[in-house]
Amino acid sequence: MYPYSSPAPSFWRSPRSRHLEGDCHCRLGKIAGLTWGHVDIETGEIKINRQLDTRSGLIGRNFIPLKTAHSYRAVTIPKHFFKDLLKIKAPGDGFVFLTVSSQPMESSVASYPLHSLLDRLGISAPSFHFHSLRHSHVTLLLTNGVDIYAISRRLGHADLSVTLNTYAYLIDEKQKSETEKINRILDNLP
């Protein structure tokens, strides 16, 4: 059962919204700090230019700087996601995602419903947490052939080496399939 007296926060009311980190790969602090003024439905972008300190017990409207200059970016999001976002918008909301008590998100508020959802789906993943959705996003993009440089820019990494080092295990797996592809091409040469 959700540990609050009301339904889950607006963050979890929309099935697509549950996957914000998976759709736009943002860390919780960036999602928590997202205000409606940073959501551009016309261009299909979310502007990432600040984050909220989401550590439990420290929550408030305390914005902290992003890690690097590359962290400041505009992220393209699927159109269907924006339709779901508009469903949770309430008059007077400044932040896009609020708890049921109209407070900004914090770590425990995001983690508990995620684990509840996994439990309902019969998925045992005790070490899976909200940030794991970011890694799932990268896995999805890599397995569908998206260029690693484009992924690195999307993640807001300072340089390509950060992405390569963080996701080396995925790149090694992809290299095996790419090697097979290279061999097929070379085998078909006259």
Protein backbone atom coordinates (compact mmCIF):
# COMPACT_ATOMS: atom_id res chain seq x y z
CA MET A 1 0.00 0.00 0.00
CA TYR A 2 1.21 3.50 -0.77
CA PRO A 3 2.48 5.07 2.49
CA TYR A 4 0.45 8.27 2.16
CA SER A 5 -3.20 8.98 2.89
CA SER A 6 -3.99 9.94 -0.71
CA PRO A 7 -3.38 8.18 -4.03
CA ALA A 8 0.10 8.05 -5.51
CA PRO A 9 1.67 11.35 -6.44
CA SER A 10 0.91 12.88 -9.83
CA PHE A 11 4.24 11.46 -10.91
CA TRP A 12 2.76 7.94 -10.86
CA ARG A 13 -0.79 8.60 -12.09
CA SER A 14 0.11 8.31 -15.76
CA PRO A 15 1.63 5.07 -17.04
CA ARG A 16 3.92 7.02 -19.40
CA SER A 17 4.96 9.36 -16.58
CA ARG A 18 6.20 6.38 -14.62
CA HIS A 19 8.83 6.03 -17.29
CA LEU A 20 10.05 9.61 -17.44
CA GLU A 21 13.57 8.58 -16.61
CA GLY A 22 13.25 5.84 -19.20
CA ASP A 23 11.84 8.22 -21.81
CA CYS A 24 14.13 11.15 -21.22
CA HIS A 25 16.85 9.50 -19.14
CA CYS A 26 16.95 12.25 -16.55
CA ARG A 27 18.09 11.81 -13.00
CA LEU A 28 15.51 12.27 -10.26
CA GLY A 29 16.79 15.71 -9.25
CA LYS A 30 16.24 17.02 -12.77
CA ILE A 31 12.77 15.50 -12.93
CA ALA A 32 11.89 16.88 -9.49
CA GLY A 33 13.05 20.35 -10.53
CA LEU A 34 11.08 20.34 -13.77
CA THR A 35 8.56 23.16 -13.93
CA TRP A 36 5.86 23.71 -16.54
CA GLY A 37 7.85 26.62 -17.94
CA HIS A 38 10.53 24.12 -19.00
CA VAL A 39 8.12 21.90 -20.92
CA ASP A 40 7.72 22.91 -24.57
CA ILE A 41 4.93 20.89 -26.14
CA GLU A 42 5.31 22.71 -29.48
CA THR A 43 8.93 21.60 -29.98
CA GLY A 44 8.55 18.32 -28.08
CA GLU A 45 11.34 19.25 -25.70
CA ILE A 46 11.99 19.41 -22.01
CA LYS A 47 14.61 21.96 -21.02
CA ILE A 48 17.07 20.65 -18.45
CA ASN A 49 18.72 23.61 -16.75
CA ARG A 50 18.43 22.96 -13.02
CA GLN A 51 17.79 20.26 -10.48
CA LEU A 52 16.22 19.98 -7.08
CA ASP A 53 18.02 18.40 -4.13
CA THR A 54 15.94 15.23 -3.72
CA ARG A 55 17.66 13.62 -0.76
CA SER A 56 15.09 12.65 1.84
CA GLY A 57 14.93 15.11 4.68
CA LEU A 58 16.49 17.90 2.65
CA ILE A 59 13.56 18.45 0.33
CA GLY A 60 12.38 21.93 -0.35
CA ARG A 61 12.60 24.28 -3.21
CA ASN A 62 16.41 24.19 -3.10
CA PHE A 63 17.85 24.14 -6.59
CA ILE A 64 21.41 22.94 -6.98
CA PRO A 65 23.69 23.29 -10.02
CA LEU A 66 23.90 20.61 -12.67
CA LYS A 67 27.11 18.56 -12.82
CA THR A 68 28.64 19.93 -16.02
CA ALA A 69 28.02 22.47 -18.76
CA HIS A 70 26.83 19.59 -20.98
CA SER A 71 24.16 18.75 -18.41
CA TYR A 72 22.29 21.88 -19.49
CA ARG A 73 20.33 20.75 -22.54
CA ALA A 74 17.01 20.32 -24.29
CA VAL A 75 15.74 16.74 -24.48
CA THR A 76 13.31 15.59 -27.16
CA ILE A 77 10.47 13.49 -25.76
CA PRO A 78 7.87 11.38 -27.63
CA LYS A 79 4.59 13.21 -28.38
CA HIS A 80 2.49 10.65 -26.48
CA PHE A 81 4.43 11.52 -23.36
CA PHE A 82 3.31 15.15 -23.52
CA LYS A 83 -0.34 14.10 -23.77
CA ASP A 84 0.08 12.17 -20.53
CA LEU A 85 1.90 15.09 -18.90
CA LEU A 86 -1.02 17.39 -19.63
CA LYS A 87 -3.38 14.93 -17.92
CA ILE A 88 -1.60 15.42 -14.59
CA LYS A 89 -1.34 19.20 -14.83
CA ALA A 90 -3.42 20.95 -12.20
CA PRO A 91 -4.16 24.68 -11.95
CA GLY A 92 -1.51 26.42 -9.90
CA ASP A 93 1.10 23.67 -10.25
CA GLY A 94 4.56 25.14 -10.70
CA PHE A 95 6.42 21.86 -10.64
CA VAL A 96 5.44 19.17 -13.14
CA PHE A 97 5.67 16.34 -10.61
CA LEU A 98 4.43 16.78 -7.07
CA THR A 99 3.60 14.48 -4.19
CA VAL A 100 0.01 14.20 -3.00
CA SER A 101 0.79 16.91 -0.46
CA SER A 102 1.88 19.22 -3.32
CA GLN A 103 5.56 18.96 -2.42
CA PRO A 104 8.41 18.39 -4.88
CA MET A 105 9.55 14.81 -5.41
CA GLU A 106 12.15 13.16 -3.21
CA SER A 107 13.98 9.86 -3.50
CA SER A 108 11.69 7.72 -1.36
CA VAL A 109 8.55 9.02 -3.08
CA ALA A 110 9.90 7.89 -6.45
CA SER A 111 11.35 4.57 -5.29
CA TYR A 112 8.44 3.12 -3.34
CA PRO A 113 5.85 3.17 -6.16
CA LEU A 114 8.44 1.82 -8.60
CA HIS A 115 9.02 -1.21 -6.38
CA SER A 116 5.27 -1.60 -5.88
CA LEU A 117 4.81 -1.64 -9.64
CA LEU A 118 7.55 -4.24 -10.07
CA ASP A 119 5.93 -6.37 -7.34
CA ARG A 120 2.52 -6.17 -9.07
CA LEU A 121 4.17 -7.27 -12.32
CA GLY A 122 5.78 -10.20 -10.51
CA ILE A 123 9.29 -8.88 -11.09
CA SER A 124 11.74 -9.48 -8.29
CA ALA A 125 14.38 -6.78 -8.60
CA PRO A 126 15.41 -5.57 -5.13
CA SER A 127 18.43 -3.70 -6.47
CA PHE A 128 16.42 -1.96 -9.22
CA HIS A 129 15.86 1.67 -8.32
CA PHE A 130 14.63 4.81 -10.01
CA HIS A 131 18.03 5.58 -11.53
CA SER A 132 18.07 2.11 -13.14
CA LEU A 133 15.54 3.46 -15.63
CA ARG A 134 18.31 5.69 -17.02
CA HIS A 135 20.41 2.60 -17.72
CA SER A 136 17.40 0.88 -19.27
CA HIS A 137 17.03 3.88 -21.58
CA VAL A 138 20.64 3.54 -22.75
CA THR A 139 20.21 -0.21 -23.27
CA LEU A 140 17.10 0.39 -25.38
CA LEU A 141 18.87 2.97 -27.53
CA LEU A 142 22.06 0.92 -28.01
CA THR A 143 20.21 -2.27 -28.91
CA ASN A 144 18.25 -0.31 -31.50
CA GLY A 145 21.38 0.99 -33.18
CA VAL A 146 21.48 4.57 -31.88
CA ASP A 147 24.95 6.06 -32.17
CA ILE A 148 26.90 6.20 -28.90
CA TYR A 149 27.82 9.86 -29.44
CA ALA A 150 24.13 10.79 -29.78
CA ILE A 151 23.39 8.84 -26.60
CA SER A 152 26.23 10.59 -24.76
CA ARG A 153 24.87 14.01 -25.73
CA ARG A 154 21.34 12.97 -24.75
CA LEU A 155 22.60 11.91 -21.32
CA GLY A 156 24.40 15.21 -20.85
CA HIS A 157 27.79 13.59 -20.31
CA ALA A 158 30.79 15.92 -20.34
CA ASP A 159 32.47 13.82 -23.02
CA LEU A 160 32.11 10.54 -24.84
CA SER A 161 34.55 8.72 -22.54
CA VAL A 162 32.11 9.05 -19.61
CA THR A 163 29.45 7.22 -21.63
CA LEU A 164 31.88 4.63 -22.95
CA ASN A 165 33.24 3.87 -19.47
CA THR A 166 29.81 3.76 -17.82
CA TYR A 167 28.21 1.54 -20.45
CA ALA A 168 31.24 -0.53 -21.52
CA TYR A 169 29.46 -3.78 -20.65
CA LEU A 170 26.64 -2.93 -23.09
CA ILE A 171 29.07 -1.82 -25.75
CA ASP A 172 31.00 -5.11 -25.41
CA GLU A 173 27.75 -7.03 -25.99
CA LYS A 174 26.92 -4.88 -28.99
CA GLN A 175 30.44 -5.35 -30.37
CA LYS A 176 29.84 -9.11 -30.59
CA SER A 177 26.79 -8.62 -32.80
CA GLU A 178 28.55 -5.91 -34.80
CA THR A 179 31.51 -8.24 -35.39
CA GLU A 180 29.10 -10.83 -36.80
CA LYS A 181 27.60 -8.14 -39.05
CA ILE A 182 31.09 -7.11 -40.25
CA ASN A 183 31.97 -10.72 -41.02
CA ARG A 184 28.74 -11.19 -43.02
CA ILE A 185 29.53 -8.07 -45.07
CA LEU A 186 33.10 -9.14 -45.71
CA ASP A 187 32.04 -12.70 -46.54
CA ASN A 188 29.76 -11.31 -49.28
CA LEU A 189 32.53 -9.36 -51.02
CA PRO A 190 33.51 -10.70 -54.46
